[in-house]
Amino acid sequence: MYRESSRSGRIPHRRYEQSNTQLRQSQENRESSARTYPRTLPFAVARAKGAILVDADGNEYIDCLAGAGTLALGHNHPDVVSEVERVLAEDRPLHTLDITTPEKEAFVDALFESFPDEFSDTAKVQFCSPAGTDAVEAALKLAKTATGNRSVLGFQGGYHGMTNGSLSLMGDTDAKEAVPGLMPGVHHLPYPDPYRHPFGLKAGEHESISRFVERVIADSESGVTDPAAAIVEPVQGEGGVNPAPDKWLRKLRRMTRENDVPLIVDEIQTGLGRTGETWAFEHAGITPDIVTCSKAVGGGLPLALVVYDENFDVWEPGAHAGTFRGHQLAMAAGRVTIRHVLENDLDEHAAKMGEQLREELDSLNARFDAIGDVRGCGLMLGVEFVDQTVDTDDGEVPPPNSELASTVKAECFDRGLVIETGGRDSAVARFLPPLTIDQNQVNEIAVRFTEAVEAAIDETAGI
């Protein structure tokens, strides 16, 4: 890296053709201690194409993180690159606040077409600041404004972002411990975790949870004032890849509708084909009141929005704003991405590729007691590692094994496979590859992950 200055004080463009070590040292010197991914993925990404990352030293990796699910079409998809180049070449506006443009109207057309008719026919959209957490904040404000109520129902294990209201809804208490003054009126309800049942019951038993939730919503003695909204992820992502049973989601929809509680479905990570349906709530056949969207809908560029039933369109002008809600490049990239997903049935492809990968992960589960559970849907899969050496009561699952999961992640990285961990104690290996991933790449992911698990189990066993 070099830095030159002219007499005018202007600094010309700087080149960064450096090694992983040099670039990572520069990052460590200048970035805050809040950085996360570089601590366990020790490289600098220089180039990327599809599902392949190339670091500054020329090493290649298969990307099963994909911007935490943002890159539905992978890195630098030619359709997205071409569209961004077109917008720039035609001198289109890059930023218009909430003034409309041809790019914006075309994006909204594609977005609404991606939803089921029973939702989109009466839908309105609010563009937000470009992070998904702001879409959650907007959804909460909208529901509170429309209902006049203040309580919000969230679910244990949930993750909705890191701003004040979103953080208040988070299941993981570690991130909230140091932050006083979080949003009041939040109530965390039990979530039908498919592996670690909140009531200690067997997997698949969610009737008791439904009854509990209904009591909280409908019983005047529950201690919870009339809720402004209930917010749920159809598949908890950061919470450990926990899919909500379709039957349970249908009951939740019935309960909230019968008691006039707006249902917010957080599709920020699950949306646009990730789970094997275009939108994850379609698995259960429900119609939400409000849907939060981000990540994939921007085509890899920052974009966040809320789509909601027109009956909730009660805001006064300026009730929710954000400088970058007019990000035109993201709308153009997002439109192309949505069209590509729909026209190429990438939801079905994700379901097929996910099933193929799931079979390999299930085989590993059968081999190793240290794997407690394999779960997920589409190309949103998780493998939970457990400490099988701990004695447990009959029917109780072993505690999570964060050390083993961390070792597996490191072994994957050494083999050119980028994954992330999440869930309780970060003991769940998570797979979020691009939806365009092919069969050969899935096979290679399975091979590298298998080798990593074998090596990690040997290492943690002291062999």
Protein backbone atom coordinates (compact mmCIF):
# COMPACT_ATOMS: atom_id res chain seq x y z
CA MET A 1 0.00 0.00 0.00
CA TYR A 2 1.27 3.48 -0.73
CA ARG A 3 -0.01 6.94 -0.06
CA GLU A 4 1.08 9.95 -2.03
CA SER A 5 -0.10 13.51 -1.68
CA SER A 6 0.13 16.37 -4.10
CA ARG A 7 0.60 20.01 -3.25
CA SER A 8 -3.15 20.40 -3.44
CA GLY A 9 -3.49 17.90 -0.62
CA ARG A 10 -5.48 15.44 -2.71
CA ILE A 11 -4.69 11.76 -2.33
CA PRO A 12 -4.72 9.67 -5.51
CA HIS A 13 -6.18 6.20 -5.73
CA ARG A 14 -4.28 3.68 -3.60
CA ARG A 15 -3.50 0.14 -4.68
CA TYR A 16 -4.08 -2.81 -2.39
CA GLU A 17 -2.29 -5.61 -4.15
CA GLN A 18 -1.05 -7.07 -0.89
CA SER A 19 -1.04 -10.36 0.96
CA ASN A 20 -3.65 -11.69 3.35
CA THR A 21 -1.34 -10.91 6.25
CA GLN A 22 -0.76 -7.30 5.23
CA LEU A 23 -4.39 -6.56 4.55
CA ARG A 24 -5.61 -8.22 7.72
CA GLN A 25 -3.05 -6.35 9.79
CA SER A 26 -4.24 -3.09 8.25
CA GLN A 27 -7.82 -4.01 9.14
CA GLU A 28 -6.90 -4.87 12.71
CA ASN A 29 -5.07 -1.56 13.13
CA ARG A 30 -7.99 0.55 11.96
CA GLU A 31 -11.30 -1.24 12.50
CA SER A 32 -13.24 -1.51 15.72
CA SER A 33 -13.16 -4.44 18.11
CA ALA A 34 -16.75 -5.21 17.07
CA ARG A 35 -15.59 -6.95 13.89
CA THR A 36 -16.57 -10.61 13.90
CA TYR A 37 -16.04 -12.68 10.77
CA PRO A 38 -12.31 -11.86 10.36
CA ARG A 39 -11.62 -13.42 13.75
CA THR A 40 -12.51 -16.91 12.54
CA LEU A 41 -12.13 -16.52 8.78
CA PRO A 42 -8.53 -15.28 8.58
CA PHE A 43 -8.24 -14.08 5.01
CA ALA A 44 -8.78 -11.07 2.77
CA VAL A 45 -11.09 -11.67 -0.19
CA ALA A 46 -9.62 -10.29 -3.42
CA ARG A 47 -11.98 -11.69 -6.06
CA ALA A 48 -15.21 -13.65 -6.21
CA LYS A 49 -17.35 -15.35 -8.83
CA GLY A 50 -20.43 -17.46 -8.28
CA ALA A 51 -19.81 -19.60 -5.20
CA ILE A 52 -16.02 -19.18 -5.33
CA LEU A 53 -13.92 -16.78 -3.29
CA VAL A 54 -10.26 -16.05 -4.04
CA ASP A 55 -8.15 -14.54 -1.29
CA ALA A 56 -5.27 -12.10 -1.59
CA ASP A 57 -2.77 -14.98 -1.70
CA GLY A 58 -4.62 -16.71 -4.56
CA ASN A 59 -6.29 -19.47 -2.51
CA GLU A 60 -9.79 -20.54 -3.56
CA TYR A 61 -12.76 -21.27 -1.27
CA ILE A 62 -16.32 -22.47 -1.74
CA ASP A 63 -18.55 -19.87 -0.17
CA CYS A 64 -21.29 -21.31 2.04
CA LEU A 65 -21.85 -17.99 3.76
CA ALA A 66 -22.76 -15.83 0.73
CA GLY A 67 -23.02 -12.60 2.67
CA ALA A 68 -25.17 -14.27 5.35
CA GLY A 69 -27.57 -15.32 2.61
CA THR A 70 -27.49 -12.02 0.73
CA LEU A 71 -26.02 -13.32 -2.53
CA ALA A 72 -28.86 -15.41 -3.93
CA LEU A 73 -27.18 -15.55 -7.35
CA GLY A 74 -23.65 -15.73 -5.99
CA HIS A 75 -20.87 -13.23 -6.48
CA ASN A 76 -20.82 -11.07 -9.62
CA HIS A 77 -23.61 -12.83 -11.46
CA PRO A 78 -23.43 -11.63 -15.09
CA ASP A 79 -27.07 -10.50 -15.16
CA VAL A 80 -26.57 -8.36 -12.06
CA VAL A 81 -23.23 -6.94 -13.25
CA SER A 82 -24.73 -6.10 -16.64
CA GLU A 83 -27.69 -4.32 -15.08
CA VAL A 84 -25.54 -2.23 -12.76
CA GLU A 85 -23.31 -1.28 -15.70
CA ARG A 86 -26.39 -0.30 -17.73
CA VAL A 87 -27.71 2.02 -15.01
CA LEU A 88 -24.32 3.73 -14.74
CA ALA A 89 -23.84 4.00 -18.51
CA GLU A 90 -27.28 5.58 -19.01
CA ASP A 91 -26.69 8.32 -16.44
CA ARG A 92 -29.60 7.12 -14.36
CA PRO A 93 -29.97 8.74 -10.93
CA LEU A 94 -28.19 6.78 -8.24
CA HIS A 95 -30.09 8.21 -5.30
CA THR A 96 -33.55 9.80 -5.17
CA LEU A 97 -34.71 9.51 -1.53
CA ASP A 98 -38.31 8.31 -2.00
CA ILE A 99 -38.95 10.05 -5.32
CA THR A 100 -39.91 7.39 -7.82
CA THR A 101 -37.96 6.38 -10.93
CA PRO A 102 -38.39 3.85 -13.72
CA GLU A 103 -35.94 1.58 -11.89
CA LYS A 104 -37.94 1.77 -8.69
CA GLU A 105 -41.30 1.04 -10.32
CA ALA A 106 -39.81 -1.93 -12.19
CA PHE A 107 -38.37 -3.25 -8.93
CA VAL A 108 -41.72 -2.99 -7.15
CA ASP A 109 -43.39 -4.82 -10.06
CA ALA A 110 -40.95 -7.71 -9.69
CA LEU A 111 -41.17 -7.70 -5.90
CA PHE A 112 -44.97 -7.88 -5.85
CA GLU A 113 -44.97 -10.61 -8.49
CA SER A 114 -42.76 -12.71 -6.24
CA PHE A 115 -45.40 -12.80 -3.49
CA PRO A 116 -48.58 -14.89 -3.51
CA ASP A 117 -51.52 -12.98 -5.00
CA GLU A 118 -53.50 -13.08 -1.77
CA PHE A 119 -50.75 -11.00 -0.17
CA SER A 120 -49.55 -8.77 -3.01
CA ASP A 121 -53.05 -7.81 -4.24
CA THR A 122 -53.54 -5.60 -1.18
CA ALA A 123 -49.89 -4.80 -0.43
CA LYS A 124 -48.08 -1.55 0.20
CA VAL A 125 -44.30 -1.15 0.42
CA GLN A 126 -42.09 1.12 2.52
CA PHE A 127 -38.44 1.48 1.55
CA CYS A 128 -36.11 1.76 4.54
CA SER A 129 -32.50 2.45 5.33
CA PRO A 130 -30.45 -0.30 3.70
CA ALA A 131 -30.01 -2.72 6.63
CA GLY A 132 -32.58 -5.37 7.47
CA THR A 133 -32.71 -4.26 11.08
CA ASP A 134 -34.26 -0.97 9.95
CA ALA A 135 -37.01 -2.89 8.16
CA VAL A 136 -37.78 -4.53 11.51
CA GLU A 137 -37.80 -1.16 13.25
CA ALA A 138 -40.17 0.17 10.59
CA ALA A 139 -42.47 -2.83 10.94
CA LEU A 140 -42.65 -2.35 14.71
CA LYS A 141 -43.42 1.36 14.35
CA LEU A 142 -46.09 0.62 11.76
CA ALA A 143 -47.80 -2.00 13.92
CA LYS A 144 -47.73 0.23 16.99
CA THR A 145 -49.11 3.16 15.03
CA ALA A 146 -51.88 1.09 13.47
CA THR A 147 -52.99 -0.61 16.68
CA GLY A 148 -52.20 1.99 19.31
CA ASN A 149 -50.72 -0.83 21.39
CA ARG A 150 -47.20 -1.10 22.79
CA SER A 151 -46.41 -4.70 23.73
CA VAL A 152 -44.55 -6.81 21.18
CA LEU A 153 -44.38 -10.61 21.16
CA GLY A 154 -41.12 -12.16 20.05
CA PHE A 155 -39.83 -15.71 20.33
CA GLN A 156 -36.98 -17.33 22.18
CA GLY A 157 -34.03 -17.94 19.89
CA GLY A 158 -35.06 -15.16 17.54
CA TYR A 159 -32.76 -12.73 15.75
CA HIS A 160 -34.05 -9.58 14.06
CA GLY A 161 -31.05 -7.23 13.95
CA MET A 162 -28.85 -5.11 16.19
CA THR A 163 -30.60 -1.74 16.50
CA ASN A 164 -32.55 -0.88 19.65
CA GLY A 165 -35.95 -2.42 18.96
CA SER A 166 -34.55 -5.33 16.99
CA LEU A 167 -31.97 -6.08 19.66
CA SER A 168 -34.71 -6.06 22.29
CA LEU A 169 -36.38 -8.91 20.43
CA MET A 170 -33.22 -11.03 20.27
CA GLY A 171 -33.19 -14.36 22.04
CA ASP A 172 -29.44 -14.35 22.71
CA THR A 173 -28.98 -12.42 25.95
CA ASP A 174 -25.21 -11.96 25.59
CA ALA A 175 -25.61 -9.23 22.99
CA LYS A 176 -28.06 -7.34 25.22
CA GLU A 177 -26.27 -7.51 28.56
CA ALA A 178 -24.19 -4.35 28.05
CA VAL A 179 -26.98 -2.26 26.51
CA PRO A 180 -29.34 -0.53 28.95
CA GLY A 181 -32.60 1.09 27.89
CA LEU A 182 -33.79 -1.46 25.36
CA MET A 183 -37.33 -1.27 23.98
CA PRO A 184 -39.86 -1.91 26.75
CA GLY A 185 -42.90 -4.14 26.43
CA VAL A 186 -41.15 -7.07 24.73
CA HIS A 187 -42.27 -10.56 25.71
CA HIS A 188 -40.34 -13.63 24.55
CA LEU A 189 -42.55 -16.65 23.93
CA PRO A 190 -41.40 -20.28 23.54
CA TYR A 191 -40.47 -21.28 20.00
CA PRO A 192 -41.00 -24.83 18.74
CA ASP A 193 -37.30 -25.66 18.46
CA PRO A 194 -37.16 -28.94 16.54
CA TYR A 195 -34.29 -30.28 18.65
CA ARG A 196 -34.31 -28.51 22.01
CA HIS A 197 -37.98 -28.33 22.98
CA PRO A 198 -38.55 -25.35 25.33
CA PHE A 199 -40.76 -27.49 27.59
CA GLY A 200 -38.50 -30.52 27.47
CA LEU A 201 -40.93 -32.49 25.35
CA LYS A 202 -40.12 -34.66 22.36
CA ALA A 203 -39.42 -33.19 18.95
CA GLY A 204 -42.52 -32.34 16.96
CA GLU A 205 -44.69 -31.74 20.03
CA HIS A 206 -45.79 -28.15 19.56
CA GLU A 207 -49.44 -28.19 20.65
CA SER A 208 -48.45 -27.18 24.18
CA ILE A 209 -46.52 -24.19 22.81
CA SER A 210 -49.52 -23.13 20.74
CA ARG A 211 -51.77 -23.30 23.80
CA PHE A 212 -49.28 -21.25 25.81
CA VAL A 213 -49.01 -18.59 23.10
CA GLU A 214 -52.76 -18.36 22.75
CA ARG A 215 -53.13 -17.95 26.51
CA VAL A 216 -50.65 -15.07 26.47
CA ILE A 217 -52.48 -13.38 23.61
CA ALA A 218 -56.08 -13.96 24.67
CA ASP A 219 -56.08 -14.29 28.47
CA SER A 220 -56.68 -11.02 30.32
CA GLU A 221 -54.73 -12.46 33.25
CA SER A 222 -51.60 -13.28 31.24
CA GLY A 223 -49.88 -10.10 32.38
CA VAL A 224 -49.29 -9.01 28.79
CA THR A 225 -51.21 -5.99 27.53
CA ASP A 226 -52.82 -6.11 24.10
CA PRO A 227 -49.92 -6.68 21.68
CA ALA A 228 -49.10 -4.34 18.86
CA ALA A 229 -47.60 -7.26 16.94
CA ALA A 230 -46.07 -10.69 17.03
CA ILE A 231 -42.87 -11.15 15.03
CA VAL A 232 -41.51 -14.52 13.94
CA GLU A 233 -38.88 -16.01 11.64
CA PRO A 234 -40.26 -18.96 9.65
CA VAL A 235 -36.77 -20.42 10.01
CA GLN A 236 -34.61 -19.01 12.77
CA GLY A 237 -31.25 -18.32 11.13
CA GLU A 238 -28.76 -16.90 13.60
CA GLY A 239 -30.62 -18.79 16.31
CA GLY A 240 -29.40 -22.10 14.90
CA VAL A 241 -31.38 -22.89 11.72
CA ASN A 242 -34.61 -23.81 13.50
CA PRO A 243 -37.57 -24.22 11.11
CA ALA A 244 -41.01 -23.50 12.55
CA PRO A 245 -43.38 -26.42 11.89
CA ASP A 246 -45.92 -25.52 9.22
CA LYS A 247 -48.82 -26.59 11.44
CA TRP A 248 -47.57 -24.39 14.27
CA LEU A 249 -47.24 -21.37 11.97
CA ARG A 250 -50.80 -21.90 10.76
CA LYS A 251 -52.01 -21.94 14.37
CA LEU A 252 -50.02 -18.82 15.15
CA ARG A 253 -51.62 -17.09 12.17
CA ARG A 254 -55.09 -18.15 13.32
CA MET A 255 -54.49 -17.00 16.89
CA THR A 256 -53.10 -13.62 15.91
CA ARG A 257 -55.87 -12.98 13.40
CA GLU A 258 -58.65 -13.95 15.80
CA ASN A 259 -57.22 -11.62 18.45
CA ASP A 260 -56.40 -8.70 16.12
CA VAL A 261 -52.64 -9.00 16.60
CA PRO A 262 -50.68 -8.07 13.45
CA LEU A 263 -48.32 -10.88 12.43
CA ILE A 264 -44.91 -9.75 11.22
CA VAL A 265 -42.97 -12.44 9.35
CA ASP A 266 -39.24 -11.73 9.22
CA GLU A 267 -38.04 -12.95 5.80
CA ILE A 268 -34.78 -11.02 5.82
CA GLN A 269 -32.66 -14.18 5.60
CA THR A 270 -35.24 -16.73 4.45
CA GLY A 271 -36.77 -14.78 1.58
CA LEU A 272 -36.45 -15.16 -2.18
CA GLY A 273 -36.00 -18.90 -2.65
CA ARG A 274 -33.62 -19.67 0.20
CA THR A 275 -35.80 -22.31 1.91
CA GLY A 276 -37.18 -24.03 -1.20
CA GLU A 277 -40.15 -21.68 -1.62
CA THR A 278 -39.96 -18.13 -2.94
CA TRP A 279 -40.97 -16.89 0.53
CA ALA A 280 -40.63 -19.17 3.53
CA PHE A 281 -44.12 -18.45 4.87
CA GLU A 282 -45.46 -20.17 1.73
CA HIS A 283 -44.47 -23.55 3.20
CA ALA A 284 -47.27 -23.11 5.75
CA GLY A 285 -49.70 -21.49 3.32
CA ILE A 286 -50.29 -18.47 5.55
CA THR A 287 -50.78 -14.80 4.69
CA PRO A 288 -48.88 -12.44 6.99
CA ASP A 289 -49.92 -8.88 7.75
CA ILE A 290 -46.40 -7.50 7.46
CA VAL A 291 -43.22 -8.94 5.88
CA THR A 292 -39.70 -7.59 6.44
CA CYS A 293 -37.29 -8.01 3.52
CA SER A 294 -33.60 -7.35 2.90
CA LYS A 295 -30.47 -9.32 1.96
CA ALA A 296 -31.31 -11.17 -1.30
CA VAL A 297 -33.88 -8.63 -2.55
CA GLY A 298 -31.08 -6.14 -3.20
CA GLY A 299 -29.19 -8.45 -5.51
CA GLY A 300 -26.08 -8.17 -3.33
CA LEU A 301 -26.42 -4.43 -2.79
CA PRO A 302 -27.87 -2.82 0.35
CA LEU A 303 -31.67 -2.66 0.33
CA ALA A 304 -34.35 -3.16 2.98
CA LEU A 305 -38.10 -2.75 2.90
CA VAL A 306 -41.37 -3.60 4.56
CA VAL A 307 -44.33 -4.99 2.63
CA TYR A 308 -47.68 -4.91 4.41
CA ASP A 309 -51.43 -5.12 4.00
CA GLU A 310 -52.97 -1.82 2.95
CA ASN A 311 -55.20 -1.85 6.04
CA PHE A 312 -52.09 -0.91 8.04
CA ASP A 313 -51.19 2.04 5.81
CA VAL A 314 -51.89 4.64 8.51
CA TRP A 315 -48.60 6.52 8.61
CA GLU A 316 -48.42 10.27 8.19
CA PRO A 317 -45.90 11.58 5.63
CA GLY A 318 -42.38 11.22 6.98
CA ALA A 319 -43.38 8.79 9.74
CA HIS A 320 -40.52 6.55 8.69
CA ALA A 321 -37.64 7.75 6.55
CA GLY A 322 -34.03 6.99 5.73
CA THR A 323 -31.58 8.76 3.49
CA PHE A 324 -30.60 5.70 1.49
CA ARG A 325 -34.11 4.39 0.86
CA GLY A 326 -33.65 5.58 -2.71
CA HIS A 327 -30.69 3.30 -3.58
CA GLN A 328 -31.27 2.90 -7.33
CA LEU A 329 -28.42 0.48 -8.07
CA ALA A 330 -29.78 -1.89 -5.43
CA MET A 331 -33.26 -1.69 -6.94
CA ALA A 332 -31.90 -2.49 -10.39
CA ALA A 333 -29.78 -5.36 -9.09
CA GLY A 334 -32.67 -6.56 -6.96
CA ARG A 335 -35.12 -6.57 -9.86
CA VAL A 336 -32.78 -8.68 -11.98
CA THR A 337 -32.21 -11.05 -9.07
CA ILE A 338 -35.91 -11.49 -8.33
CA ARG A 339 -36.66 -12.09 -12.02
CA HIS A 340 -33.85 -14.61 -12.29
CA VAL A 341 -35.04 -16.51 -9.23
CA LEU A 342 -38.62 -16.63 -10.53
CA GLU A 343 -37.88 -17.39 -14.17
CA ASN A 344 -35.34 -20.11 -13.39
CA ASP A 345 -37.28 -21.72 -10.51
CA LEU A 346 -34.34 -21.25 -8.18
CA ASP A 347 -36.58 -22.04 -5.23
CA GLU A 348 -37.06 -25.54 -6.62
CA HIS A 349 -33.35 -25.78 -7.39
CA ALA A 350 -32.56 -24.76 -3.82
CA ALA A 351 -34.88 -27.46 -2.53
CA LYS A 352 -33.20 -30.07 -4.73
CA MET A 353 -29.63 -29.05 -3.91
CA GLY A 354 -30.54 -28.73 -0.24
CA GLU A 355 -31.95 -32.24 -0.21
CA GLN A 356 -28.75 -33.55 -1.78
CA LEU A 357 -26.59 -31.82 0.82
CA ARG A 358 -28.96 -32.85 3.61
CA GLU A 359 -28.51 -36.52 2.69
CA GLU A 360 -24.75 -36.20 3.10
CA LEU A 361 -25.14 -34.39 6.42
CA ASP A 362 -27.60 -37.02 7.66
CA SER A 363 -25.03 -39.70 6.82
CA LEU A 364 -22.50 -37.87 9.00
CA ASN A 365 -25.08 -37.65 11.77
CA ALA A 366 -25.47 -41.42 11.66
CA ARG A 367 -21.70 -41.88 11.98
CA PHE A 368 -20.89 -39.50 14.81
CA ASP A 369 -22.55 -39.13 18.21
CA ALA A 370 -20.97 -35.69 18.39
CA ILE A 371 -23.52 -34.53 15.82
CA GLY A 372 -26.77 -34.09 17.67
CA ASP A 373 -29.02 -32.84 14.90
CA VAL A 374 -29.20 -31.93 11.22
CA ARG A 375 -32.01 -29.57 10.26
CA GLY A 376 -33.22 -26.85 7.94
CA CYS A 377 -34.82 -26.62 4.51
CA GLY A 378 -33.69 -25.69 1.04
CA LEU A 379 -30.22 -24.16 1.09
CA MET A 380 -30.54 -23.08 4.71
CA LEU A 381 -29.16 -26.01 6.68
CA GLY A 382 -27.59 -26.50 10.09
CA VAL A 383 -25.58 -29.17 11.91
CA GLU A 384 -25.56 -28.98 15.70
CA PHE A 385 -22.55 -30.37 17.54
CA VAL A 386 -23.05 -31.70 21.06
CA ASP A 387 -20.93 -32.90 23.96
CA GLN A 388 -21.89 -36.56 24.13
CA THR A 389 -19.59 -37.14 27.11
CA VAL A 390 -21.98 -35.31 29.45
CA ASP A 391 -24.47 -37.51 31.27
CA THR A 392 -28.07 -36.48 30.59
CA ASP A 393 -31.46 -37.57 31.86
CA ASP A 394 -33.59 -39.87 29.72
CA GLY A 395 -34.91 -38.00 26.72
CA GLU A 396 -32.69 -34.97 27.33
CA VAL A 397 -30.35 -33.96 24.53
CA PRO A 398 -26.64 -33.33 25.26
CA PRO A 399 -25.39 -29.77 25.73
CA PRO A 400 -24.07 -27.87 22.71
CA ASN A 401 -20.37 -28.24 21.95
CA SER A 402 -19.06 -24.87 20.83
CA GLU A 403 -15.43 -25.98 20.94
CA LEU A 404 -16.02 -28.78 18.45
CA ALA A 405 -18.09 -26.53 16.18
CA SER A 406 -15.33 -23.92 16.20
CA THR A 407 -12.74 -26.57 15.36
CA VAL A 408 -14.90 -27.88 12.51
CA LYS A 409 -15.22 -24.35 11.13
CA ALA A 410 -11.43 -23.91 11.22
CA GLU A 411 -10.86 -27.29 9.58
CA CYS A 412 -13.35 -26.35 6.86
CA PHE A 413 -11.48 -23.12 6.23
CA ASP A 414 -8.20 -25.03 5.93
CA ARG A 415 -9.86 -27.16 3.25
CA GLY A 416 -11.18 -24.21 1.26
CA LEU A 417 -14.74 -24.18 2.61
CA VAL A 418 -16.26 -21.10 4.23
CA ILE A 419 -19.08 -21.75 6.69
CA GLU A 420 -20.44 -19.91 9.70
CA THR A 421 -21.61 -21.07 13.11
CA GLY A 422 -24.63 -19.94 15.13
CA GLY A 423 -27.27 -21.10 17.56
CA ARG A 424 -26.71 -21.83 21.25
CA ASP A 425 -23.06 -21.27 22.11
CA SER A 426 -22.37 -21.03 18.36
CA ALA A 427 -22.46 -24.83 18.19
CA VAL A 428 -24.37 -25.07 14.90
CA ALA A 429 -22.51 -25.21 11.59
CA ARG A 430 -24.58 -23.23 9.09
CA PHE A 431 -24.81 -23.60 5.30
CA LEU A 432 -26.07 -20.64 3.21
CA PRO A 433 -24.52 -21.09 -0.24
CA PRO A 434 -25.75 -19.19 -3.31
CA LEU A 435 -28.97 -20.60 -4.79
CA THR A 436 -27.13 -21.09 -8.09
CA ILE A 437 -24.81 -23.71 -6.63
CA ASP A 438 -24.58 -26.85 -8.75
CA GLN A 439 -24.51 -30.55 -7.99
CA ASN A 440 -20.75 -30.89 -8.31
CA GLN A 441 -20.19 -28.05 -5.89
CA VAL A 442 -22.63 -29.59 -3.41
CA ASN A 443 -20.70 -32.85 -3.62
CA GLU A 444 -17.44 -31.01 -2.99
CA ILE A 445 -18.95 -29.17 -0.02
CA ALA A 446 -19.99 -32.51 1.45
CA VAL A 447 -16.52 -34.00 0.94
CA ARG A 448 -14.71 -31.07 2.54
CA PHE A 449 -17.15 -30.83 5.44
CA THR A 450 -16.88 -34.57 6.10
CA GLU A 451 -13.08 -34.36 6.18
CA ALA A 452 -13.29 -31.35 8.49
CA VAL A 453 -15.63 -33.13 10.91
CA GLU A 454 -13.42 -36.23 10.98
CA ALA A 455 -10.31 -34.14 11.64
CA ALA A 456 -12.03 -31.99 14.28
CA ILE A 457 -13.39 -34.96 16.20
CA ASP A 458 -9.94 -36.56 16.21
CA GLU A 459 -8.37 -33.30 17.36
CA THR A 460 -10.83 -32.62 20.19
CA ALA A 461 -10.54 -36.23 21.30
CA GLY A 462 -6.80 -35.77 21.63
CA ILE A 463 -5.90 -38.34 18.97
